[in-house]
Amino acid sequence: MPNMIPNRATRALTMVVDLVLIVLSYGLAFLLFNEQMTPKNYDAFLGILPWIIVISILFLGIYELDRLVQYDVWDIVRKLAIAVTFILLITMTVSFFFREFAMPRSVLLSAHGIAFIALLVWKSAFTKYSQLSRKGKVMFIGTEKEFEEMEDSLASFLSKSSYVRWYDKKESLAQLRTQINQFNVVFIGSELEEEKKDRLMFHAMKNKKLVYVVPKVNDMLLMNTSVTTMDDTMVMQVRPFTLSLTQLLIKRGVDIAAAVAMIVATLPVMVVTAIGIKIEDRGPVFFKQERVGKNHKPFNILKFRSMVIDAESKTGPVLAKANDDRITKMGKFIRKTRIDELPQLINVLKGDMSLVGPRPEREFFTKQFQRENKWFNYRHAVKPGITGYAQVMGKYTTDADKKLKFDLHYIRNYSFWLDLTILMKTILVVINKAKSEGETNSTKNKKVSYFTKKQQSH
């Protein structure tokens, strides 16, 4: 059974096929517009071909279209649509600089339209075949609560001929090691004691099983650490969650430049939004609320108002829910499209926020989360962001502990490239309803498409 995380060779081969299809799409577009083409147009194409390849690799990589492992045709459509659009726009920009031998816009549009269809067919077929070829059994060792949170994802991890079983972490080590031999993939939950976890991992790897571990928050401390020796003993430096001075300066410079550009680009949208909010109930356009920023310093976050006036006058501080009756008609639209967040660009210019970082919480919820998880404090080591790693990797309803793991991973692994990737992936969050819905009170309705069976402890 192939590994669920494609290796570099597989990803490289996938990218080569993608690039070949893109180049062939241009060839087909040339044939369609053959009568309009001149030798200069072909020269222009050869001149921008290296740019097309570089741009394609960049955006196909950002949207992880070189490592699709789960068959979800709509996810592929969304990612391809955004990636191909960016490739087209930047290719047109590059082509403009070669305007004396410019590529016809009709050829560019047709080529990228053909490329989208070709890539969609190829990637859909590849991921479908890949998933159908993965047959096996999935074992989860941990608490029932953690299993239930992951059950749907575990059940669709391999193929329709697969099934998943839960084994309680309280079962004896001998029983669990015996059961592991019957499975192909082993997931180990976050709440197993370290000694039992180590022995189970060793046994599973010894028997050539795929092993996945759900980390604890404190496991994040050892990620991306420096290793040295004390005499003949290896030691690992546990670094604090912070950014270096150089990283802070680069991040601040990018924030200012990008915020100014985005304010200019979105100004017409913000003006129309302000008018729409004012017309609906004649209340204030903006909503200010105190949030906790870097080093626990409070600041007022700025948003377009999406709820009725004095929405919390009766309820007190509560998280937004799906189908919340406090949300106005205009509010539903600007929340779904994330337009309500645009005024936070002003917070970025003021220095209260960054474009990318952990989302800022209110002090009421910060204290609550801090009581529940002592590590929550470390997410305030950097400026909060308009978007963040937890937002693009999780969902709106992802609980605070899971979001915290993503936030700490972001701080520990910060880079300009990671910020750029998060910003590009934020577009997927905006157009993907499943990632942008608010908290719901109802119990999650499980729609497991694969056979799932819980193995109760004996």
Protein backbone atom coordinates (compact mmCIF):
# COMPACT_ATOMS: atom_id res chain seq x y z
CA MET A 1 0.00 0.00 0.00
CA PRO A 2 1.48 3.40 -0.96
CA ASN A 3 2.30 6.03 1.64
CA MET A 4 -0.46 8.60 2.13
CA ILE A 5 2.09 11.41 2.03
CA PRO A 6 3.62 11.45 -1.47
CA ASN A 7 7.41 11.34 -1.55
CA ARG A 8 9.47 13.86 -3.49
CA ALA A 9 9.82 11.63 -6.54
CA THR A 10 6.04 11.18 -6.82
CA ARG A 11 5.42 14.89 -6.35
CA ALA A 12 8.10 15.76 -8.93
CA LEU A 13 6.57 13.35 -11.46
CA THR A 14 3.12 14.84 -10.82
CA MET A 15 4.48 18.34 -11.37
CA VAL A 16 6.18 17.29 -14.63
CA VAL A 17 2.88 15.91 -15.96
CA ASP A 18 1.15 19.16 -14.91
CA LEU A 19 3.70 21.29 -16.76
CA VAL A 20 3.51 19.11 -19.88
CA LEU A 21 -0.30 19.50 -19.91
CA ILE A 22 0.01 23.28 -19.56
CA VAL A 23 2.47 23.50 -22.46
CA LEU A 24 0.28 21.21 -24.58
CA SER A 25 -2.69 23.44 -23.77
CA TYR A 26 -0.82 26.33 -25.35
CA GLY A 27 -0.12 24.16 -28.37
CA LEU A 28 -3.83 23.39 -28.75
CA ALA A 29 -4.69 27.08 -28.35
CA PHE A 30 -2.20 27.92 -31.13
CA LEU A 31 -3.98 25.44 -33.39
CA LEU A 32 -7.37 26.96 -32.61
CA PHE A 33 -6.13 30.44 -33.51
CA ASN A 34 -3.67 29.38 -36.19
CA GLU A 35 -4.90 31.94 -38.72
CA GLN A 36 -4.22 34.82 -36.31
CA MET A 37 -0.75 33.67 -35.32
CA THR A 38 2.47 35.20 -36.64
CA PRO A 39 6.11 34.17 -36.18
CA LYS A 40 6.46 37.01 -33.67
CA ASN A 41 3.71 35.46 -31.55
CA TYR A 42 5.59 32.16 -31.39
CA ASP A 43 8.75 34.05 -30.45
CA ALA A 44 6.80 35.79 -27.68
CA PHE A 45 5.62 32.42 -26.35
CA LEU A 46 9.17 31.06 -26.27
CA GLY A 47 10.24 34.24 -24.48
CA ILE A 48 7.70 33.85 -21.67
CA LEU A 49 7.74 30.03 -21.52
CA PRO A 50 10.31 29.95 -18.67
CA TRP A 51 8.08 32.37 -16.75
CA ILE A 52 5.03 30.21 -17.37
CA ILE A 53 6.87 27.18 -15.99
CA VAL A 54 8.14 29.02 -12.89
CA ILE A 55 4.75 30.61 -12.18
CA SER A 56 2.98 27.29 -12.65
CA ILE A 57 5.35 25.49 -10.27
CA LEU A 58 4.84 28.28 -7.70
CA PHE A 59 1.04 28.19 -7.61
CA LEU A 60 0.60 24.45 -8.15
CA GLY A 61 2.92 24.04 -5.16
CA ILE A 62 1.18 26.64 -2.97
CA TYR A 63 -2.18 24.92 -3.43
CA GLU A 64 -0.57 21.48 -2.97
CA LEU A 65 -1.79 20.24 -6.33
CA ASP A 66 1.34 18.10 -6.51
CA ARG A 67 0.34 16.07 -3.44
CA LEU A 68 -3.37 15.28 -3.72
CA VAL A 69 -4.15 12.06 -1.87
CA GLN A 70 -7.86 12.30 -1.02
CA TYR A 71 -10.40 12.19 -3.82
CA ASP A 72 -12.55 15.32 -3.46
CA VAL A 73 -13.47 16.64 -6.88
CA TRP A 74 -14.77 19.98 -5.57
CA ASP A 75 -11.61 20.54 -3.58
CA ILE A 76 -9.61 19.90 -6.76
CA VAL A 77 -11.87 22.27 -8.73
CA ARG A 78 -11.45 25.07 -6.18
CA LYS A 79 -7.69 24.72 -5.97
CA LEU A 80 -7.24 24.46 -9.73
CA ALA A 81 -9.54 27.39 -10.44
CA ILE A 82 -7.54 29.69 -8.15
CA ALA A 83 -4.13 28.38 -9.24
CA VAL A 84 -4.90 28.62 -12.97
CA THR A 85 -6.38 32.11 -12.50
CA PHE A 86 -3.22 33.36 -10.79
CA ILE A 87 -1.03 31.69 -13.42
CA LEU A 88 -3.08 33.41 -16.15
CA LEU A 89 -3.00 36.86 -14.54
CA ILE A 90 0.73 36.83 -13.85
CA THR A 91 1.47 35.36 -17.30
CA MET A 92 -0.53 38.20 -18.87
CA THR A 93 1.45 40.67 -16.77
CA VAL A 94 4.75 39.14 -17.88
CA SER A 95 3.51 39.08 -21.47
CA PHE A 96 2.74 42.81 -21.21
CA PHE A 97 6.43 43.56 -20.69
CA PHE A 98 7.08 41.84 -24.03
CA ARG A 99 4.33 43.94 -25.63
CA GLU A 100 6.23 44.49 -28.88
CA PHE A 101 5.88 40.73 -29.43
CA ALA A 102 2.86 40.29 -27.14
CA MET A 103 0.94 37.05 -26.90
CA PRO A 104 -2.66 37.45 -28.14
CA ARG A 105 -5.04 37.58 -25.18
CA SER A 106 -7.36 35.14 -26.95
CA VAL A 107 -4.57 32.55 -26.98
CA LEU A 108 -3.73 33.13 -23.31
CA LEU A 109 -7.37 32.80 -22.20
CA SER A 110 -7.98 29.73 -24.35
CA ALA A 111 -4.74 28.05 -23.27
CA HIS A 112 -5.52 28.44 -19.58
CA GLY A 113 -9.12 27.34 -20.09
CA ILE A 114 -7.88 24.18 -21.81
CA ALA A 115 -5.23 23.73 -19.11
CA PHE A 116 -7.87 23.89 -16.38
CA ILE A 117 -9.94 21.16 -18.03
CA ALA A 118 -6.91 18.98 -18.78
CA LEU A 119 -5.49 19.31 -15.26
CA LEU A 120 -8.90 18.66 -13.70
CA VAL A 121 -9.38 15.45 -15.68
CA TRP A 122 -5.83 14.25 -15.00
CA LYS A 123 -5.82 15.04 -11.28
CA SER A 124 -9.32 13.71 -10.68
CA ALA A 125 -8.45 10.45 -12.42
CA PHE A 126 -5.10 10.17 -10.63
CA THR A 127 -6.45 10.81 -7.13
CA LYS A 128 -9.47 8.56 -7.73
CA TYR A 129 -7.27 5.70 -8.91
CA SER A 130 -4.80 6.35 -6.09
CA GLN A 131 -7.53 6.16 -3.47
CA LEU A 132 -9.19 3.07 -4.95
CA SER A 133 -5.82 1.32 -4.99
CA ARG A 134 -5.29 1.96 -1.27
CA LYS A 135 -6.92 -0.99 0.42
CA GLY A 136 -6.42 -1.80 4.05
CA LYS A 137 -7.51 -1.42 7.62
CA VAL A 138 -7.14 1.61 9.86
CA MET A 139 -6.60 1.34 13.61
CA PHE A 140 -7.03 4.20 16.06
CA ILE A 141 -5.64 3.89 19.60
CA GLY A 142 -6.80 6.56 22.02
CA THR A 143 -9.82 7.94 23.84
CA GLU A 144 -13.32 7.51 22.45
CA LYS A 145 -13.80 11.28 22.41
CA GLU A 146 -10.75 11.86 20.23
CA PHE A 147 -11.76 8.99 17.96
CA GLU A 148 -15.25 10.44 17.46
CA GLU A 149 -13.74 13.80 16.50
CA MET A 150 -11.67 12.11 13.79
CA GLU A 151 -14.04 9.30 12.83
CA ASP A 152 -15.28 10.71 9.53
CA SER A 153 -11.78 11.53 8.34
CA LEU A 154 -10.41 8.16 9.44
CA ALA A 155 -13.23 6.32 7.68
CA SER A 156 -12.38 8.00 4.38
CA PHE A 157 -8.63 7.73 4.85
CA LEU A 158 -8.09 4.85 2.46
CA SER A 159 -10.78 3.51 0.13
CA LYS A 160 -14.36 2.28 0.21
CA SER A 161 -13.15 -1.24 0.85
CA SER A 162 -11.40 -0.10 4.04
CA TYR A 163 -12.65 0.15 7.58
CA VAL A 164 -11.49 1.70 10.82
CA ARG A 165 -11.56 0.39 14.37
CA TRP A 166 -11.13 2.17 17.67
CA TYR A 167 -9.14 0.60 20.50
CA ASP A 168 -9.23 2.19 23.92
CA LYS A 169 -5.89 3.52 25.17
CA LYS A 170 -6.56 1.63 28.43
CA GLU A 171 -6.16 -1.75 26.75
CA SER A 172 -3.00 -3.60 27.68
CA LEU A 173 0.15 -3.15 25.66
CA ALA A 174 0.18 -6.84 24.76
CA GLN A 175 -3.39 -6.74 23.41
CA LEU A 176 -2.70 -3.63 21.35
CA ARG A 177 0.52 -5.00 19.86
CA THR A 178 -1.31 -8.18 18.85
CA GLN A 179 -4.08 -6.17 17.17
CA ILE A 180 -1.64 -3.89 15.29
CA ASN A 181 -0.52 -6.84 13.15
CA GLN A 182 -4.02 -6.99 11.60
CA PHE A 183 -3.97 -3.39 10.35
CA ASN A 184 -2.21 -1.44 7.64
CA VAL A 185 -2.38 2.05 9.18
CA VAL A 186 -2.11 2.94 12.86
CA PHE A 187 -3.18 6.26 14.37
CA ILE A 188 -2.02 6.95 17.92
CA GLY A 189 -4.02 9.53 19.87
CA SER A 190 -2.56 12.39 21.87
CA GLU A 191 -3.52 11.13 25.31
CA LEU A 192 -1.48 7.90 25.48
CA GLU A 193 1.24 7.80 28.10
CA GLU A 194 4.67 8.27 26.56
CA GLU A 195 6.09 4.82 27.35
CA LYS A 196 3.12 2.98 25.84
CA LYS A 197 3.16 5.32 22.81
CA ASP A 198 6.87 4.67 22.21
CA ARG A 199 6.47 0.90 22.39
CA LEU A 200 3.46 0.89 20.08
CA MET A 201 5.26 3.07 17.53
CA PHE A 202 8.31 0.81 17.64
CA HIS A 203 6.21 -2.32 17.18
CA ALA A 204 4.16 -0.81 14.32
CA MET A 205 7.22 0.45 12.44
CA LYS A 206 9.02 -2.85 12.98
CA ASN A 207 6.10 -4.53 11.23
CA LYS A 208 6.16 -1.96 8.39
CA LYS A 209 2.88 -0.27 9.28
CA LEU A 210 2.12 3.35 8.43
CA VAL A 211 2.05 5.24 11.72
CA TYR A 212 0.49 8.63 12.43
CA VAL A 213 0.61 10.36 15.82
CA VAL A 214 -1.74 13.09 17.02
CA PRO A 215 0.63 15.48 18.87
CA LYS A 216 0.10 17.10 22.24
CA VAL A 217 0.51 20.85 22.42
CA ASN A 218 3.79 20.52 24.34
CA ASP A 219 5.15 18.32 21.54
CA MET A 220 5.26 21.53 19.50
CA LEU A 221 8.12 22.73 21.74
CA LEU A 222 10.54 20.23 20.21
CA MET A 223 9.64 20.91 16.60
CA ASN A 224 12.30 22.71 14.56
CA THR A 225 14.77 22.63 17.45
CA SER A 226 18.56 22.95 17.39
CA VAL A 227 20.65 19.91 18.28
CA THR A 228 24.08 19.98 19.92
CA THR A 229 26.11 17.83 22.30
CA MET A 230 27.24 18.09 25.88
CA ASP A 231 30.36 15.95 25.88
CA ASP A 232 28.96 12.78 24.29
CA THR A 233 25.29 13.46 25.11
CA MET A 234 22.92 14.87 22.51
CA VAL A 235 20.80 17.77 23.77
CA MET A 236 18.04 19.71 22.05
CA GLN A 237 17.54 23.41 22.65
CA VAL A 238 13.92 24.25 23.48
CA ARG A 239 13.59 27.71 22.00
CA PRO A 240 10.88 30.18 23.02
CA PHE A 241 8.02 30.88 20.64
CA THR A 242 9.16 34.14 19.10
CA LEU A 243 10.56 35.64 15.89
CA SER A 244 14.05 37.01 15.37
CA LEU A 245 14.65 40.74 14.83
CA THR A 246 15.32 40.12 11.12
CA GLN A 247 12.08 38.16 10.76
CA LEU A 248 10.14 40.89 12.56
CA LEU A 249 11.55 43.61 10.29
CA ILE A 250 10.80 41.65 7.11
CA LYS A 251 7.31 40.80 8.32
CA ARG A 252 6.55 44.42 9.23
CA GLY A 253 7.82 45.72 5.89
CA VAL A 254 5.70 43.23 3.97
CA ASP A 255 2.66 44.05 6.16
CA ILE A 256 2.86 47.78 5.43
CA ALA A 257 3.42 47.40 1.68
CA ALA A 258 0.74 44.73 1.25
CA ALA A 259 -1.82 46.52 3.46
CA VAL A 260 -1.50 49.76 1.48
CA ALA A 261 -1.85 47.89 -1.82
CA MET A 262 -4.86 45.91 -0.58
CA ILE A 263 -6.62 49.00 0.79
CA VAL A 264 -6.26 50.71 -2.59
CA ALA A 265 -7.41 47.59 -4.47
CA THR A 266 -10.43 46.92 -2.22
CA LEU A 267 -11.52 50.52 -1.62
CA PRO A 268 -14.51 50.30 -4.04
CA VAL A 269 -15.70 47.11 -2.29
CA MET A 270 -15.37 48.74 1.13
CA VAL A 271 -17.32 51.83 0.01
CA VAL A 272 -20.18 49.72 -1.39
CA THR A 273 -20.20 47.60 1.79
CA ALA A 274 -20.37 50.69 4.02
CA ILE A 275 -23.32 52.04 2.02
CA GLY A 276 -25.11 48.67 2.19
CA ILE A 277 -24.72 48.42 5.98
CA LYS A 278 -25.94 51.98 6.46
CA ILE A 279 -28.98 51.47 4.24
CA GLU A 280 -30.08 48.25 5.98
CA ASP A 281 -30.58 49.56 9.53
CA ARG A 282 -28.98 53.03 9.56
CA GLY A 283 -26.62 51.86 12.32
CA PRO A 284 -22.87 52.36 12.53
CA VAL A 285 -20.81 51.01 9.63
CA PHE A 286 -17.87 49.81 11.70
CA PHE A 287 -17.69 47.54 14.70
CA LYS A 288 -14.94 48.00 17.28
CA GLN A 289 -14.11 45.44 19.91
CA GLU A 290 -11.23 45.06 22.31
CA ARG A 291 -9.00 42.06 21.57
CA VAL A 292 -5.79 40.72 23.09
CA GLY A 293 -2.71 41.38 20.95
CA LYS A 294 1.01 40.67 21.10
CA ASN A 295 2.35 40.28 24.65
CA HIS A 296 -1.28 40.42 25.90
CA LYS A 297 -1.52 44.12 24.97
CA PRO A 298 -5.18 45.04 24.29
CA PHE A 299 -6.21 46.83 21.10
CA ASN A 300 -9.45 47.66 19.30
CA ILE A 301 -10.07 45.48 16.29
CA LEU A 302 -11.96 47.09 13.42
CA LYS A 303 -14.56 45.27 11.30
CA PHE A 304 -17.56 46.05 9.18
CA ARG A 305 -20.59 45.55 11.42
CA SER A 306 -22.35 42.29 10.54
CA MET A 307 -24.69 41.95 13.54
CA VAL A 308 -27.60 43.95 14.86
CA ILE A 309 -26.78 46.93 17.08
CA ASP A 310 -25.86 45.91 20.66
CA ALA A 311 -25.93 42.23 19.69
CA GLU A 312 -24.53 41.08 23.05
CA SER A 313 -26.58 43.36 25.31
CA LYS A 314 -28.69 40.39 26.45
CA THR A 315 -26.47 37.37 25.78
CA GLY A 316 -23.09 38.65 26.96
CA PRO A 317 -19.88 37.45 25.27
CA VAL A 318 -20.70 34.42 23.08
CA LEU A 319 -19.07 32.93 19.98
CA ALA A 320 -20.85 33.38 16.65
CA LYS A 321 -22.94 30.39 15.59
CA ALA A 322 -24.21 29.06 12.26
CA ASN A 323 -27.59 30.66 11.43
CA ASP A 324 -27.11 33.18 14.25
CA ASP A 325 -30.24 35.35 14.29
CA ARG A 326 -28.17 38.35 15.43
CA ILE A 327 -26.48 38.52 12.02
CA THR A 328 -28.03 40.99 9.57
CA LYS A 329 -28.80 40.20 5.92
CA MET A 330 -25.83 42.28 4.79
CA GLY A 331 -23.81 40.68 7.58
CA LYS A 332 -24.41 37.17 6.26
CA PHE A 333 -22.97 38.13 2.89
CA ILE A 334 -19.91 40.01 4.14
CA ARG A 335 -19.13 37.23 6.66
CA LYS A 336 -19.39 34.53 4.01
CA THR A 337 -17.08 36.48 1.68
CA ARG A 338 -14.84 37.72 4.53
CA ILE A 339 -15.43 41.33 3.45
CA ASP A 340 -16.18 42.17 7.08
CA GLU A 341 -12.48 41.62 7.85
CA LEU A 342 -11.16 44.23 5.37
CA PRO A 343 -11.06 47.17 7.83
CA GLN A 344 -8.47 45.19 9.80
CA LEU A 345 -6.00 46.34 7.15
CA ILE A 346 -6.05 49.61 9.12
CA ASN A 347 -5.10 47.64 12.24
CA VAL A 348 -2.18 46.24 10.25
CA LEU A 349 -1.00 49.71 9.24
CA LYS A 350 -1.26 50.87 12.87
CA GLY A 351 0.91 47.95 13.95
CA ASP A 352 -1.69 46.23 16.14
CA MET A 353 -1.98 43.28 13.77
CA SER A 354 -0.16 41.48 10.97
CA LEU A 355 -1.57 40.08 7.76
CA VAL A 356 -0.79 36.56 9.00
CA GLY A 357 -0.77 35.33 12.58
CA PRO A 358 -2.98 33.72 15.24
CA ARG A 359 -6.47 35.22 15.22
CA PRO A 360 -6.97 37.68 18.11
CA GLU A 361 -9.39 36.65 20.85
CA ARG A 362 -11.35 38.67 23.35
CA GLU A 363 -9.99 38.78 26.88
CA PHE A 364 -13.03 36.86 28.17
CA PHE A 365 -12.27 33.88 25.92
CA THR A 366 -8.49 34.24 26.28
CA LYS A 367 -8.76 33.75 30.05
CA GLN A 368 -11.09 30.79 29.53
CA PHE A 369 -8.74 29.09 27.03
CA GLN A 370 -5.75 29.88 29.26
CA ARG A 371 -7.40 28.06 32.17
CA GLU A 372 -8.11 25.05 29.94
CA ASN A 373 -4.65 24.93 28.34
CA LYS A 374 -1.55 26.50 29.90
CA TRP A 375 0.20 26.64 26.50
CA PHE A 376 -2.39 29.06 25.10
CA ASN A 377 -0.28 31.93 26.45
CA TYR A 378 2.43 31.36 23.81
CA ARG A 379 0.26 32.30 20.84
CA HIS A 380 0.54 35.92 22.05
CA ALA A 381 4.29 35.92 21.34
CA VAL A 382 3.56 37.41 17.90
CA LYS A 383 1.09 39.91 16.52
CA PRO A 384 -2.36 38.51 15.75
CA GLY A 385 -3.30 38.23 12.09
CA ILE A 386 -6.20 38.82 9.73
CA THR A 387 -5.70 35.23 8.64
CA GLY A 388 -3.58 32.43 10.03
CA TYR A 389 -2.34 28.88 9.72
CA ALA A 390 -5.20 27.60 11.88
CA GLN A 391 -7.72 29.27 9.57
CA VAL A 392 -6.40 27.68 6.36
CA MET A 393 -5.68 24.26 7.86
CA GLY A 394 -8.72 23.95 10.11
CA LYS A 395 -12.29 25.19 10.05
CA TYR A 396 -14.18 28.02 11.71
CA THR A 397 -15.58 25.48 14.20
CA THR A 398 -12.20 23.84 14.98
CA ASP A 399 -11.79 23.90 18.77
CA ALA A 400 -9.27 26.13 20.53
CA ASP A 401 -6.81 23.35 21.39
CA LYS A 402 -6.51 22.19 17.79
CA LYS A 403 -6.15 25.75 16.54
CA LEU A 404 -3.46 26.32 19.15
CA LYS A 405 -1.34 23.51 17.67
CA PHE A 406 -1.53 25.14 14.24
CA ASP A 407 -0.70 28.58 15.68
CA LEU A 408 2.33 27.31 17.59
CA HIS A 409 3.51 25.41 14.50
CA TYR A 410 3.25 28.66 12.53
CA ILE A 411 5.30 30.64 15.08
CA ARG A 412 7.95 27.93 15.29
CA ASN A 413 8.24 27.57 11.50
CA TYR A 414 7.66 31.18 10.38
CA SER A 415 9.04 32.23 7.01
CA PHE A 416 8.08 34.69 4.29
CA TRP A 417 7.16 31.72 2.09
CA LEU A 418 4.83 30.34 4.78
CA ASP A 419 3.10 33.72 5.06
CA LEU A 420 2.67 33.87 1.28
CA THR A 421 1.28 30.33 1.22
CA ILE A 422 -1.22 31.11 3.99
CA LEU A 423 -2.40 34.27 2.20
CA MET A 424 -2.93 32.35 -1.04
CA LYS A 425 -4.75 29.52 0.75
CA THR A 426 -7.02 32.02 2.50
CA ILE A 427 -8.81 32.41 -0.84
CA LEU A 428 -9.81 28.74 -0.57
CA VAL A 429 -11.25 29.40 2.88
CA VAL A 430 -13.40 32.22 1.50
CA ILE A 431 -14.93 30.10 -1.26
CA ASN A 432 -15.21 26.88 0.77
CA LYS A 433 -18.40 26.98 2.85
CA ALA A 434 -17.31 24.07 5.05
CA LYS A 435 -14.33 26.08 6.35
CA SER A 436 -16.19 29.33 6.97
CA GLU A 437 -19.33 28.29 8.86
CA GLY A 438 -19.74 29.40 12.46
CA GLU A 439 -20.07 27.30 15.57
CA THR A 440 -23.17 25.13 15.67
CA ASN A 441 -25.13 23.96 18.67
CA SER A 442 -26.39 20.82 17.05
CA THR A 443 -24.63 17.53 17.37
CA LYS A 444 -22.50 16.70 14.41
CA ASN A 445 -24.32 14.44 11.99
CA LYS A 446 -21.90 11.78 10.92
CA LYS A 447 -22.04 10.77 7.28
CA VAL A 448 -19.44 8.06 7.16
CA SER A 449 -19.20 6.71 3.63
CA TYR A 450 -16.93 3.84 4.62
CA PHE A 451 -17.54 0.93 6.99
CA THR A 452 -16.70 1.98 10.53
CA LYS A 453 -16.64 -0.24 13.60
CA LYS A 454 -15.67 0.60 17.16
CA GLN A 455 -13.81 -2.07 19.05
CA GLN A 456 -14.81 -1.76 22.70
CA SER A 457 -12.17 -2.57 25.28
CA HIS A 458 -12.45 -5.94 27.01
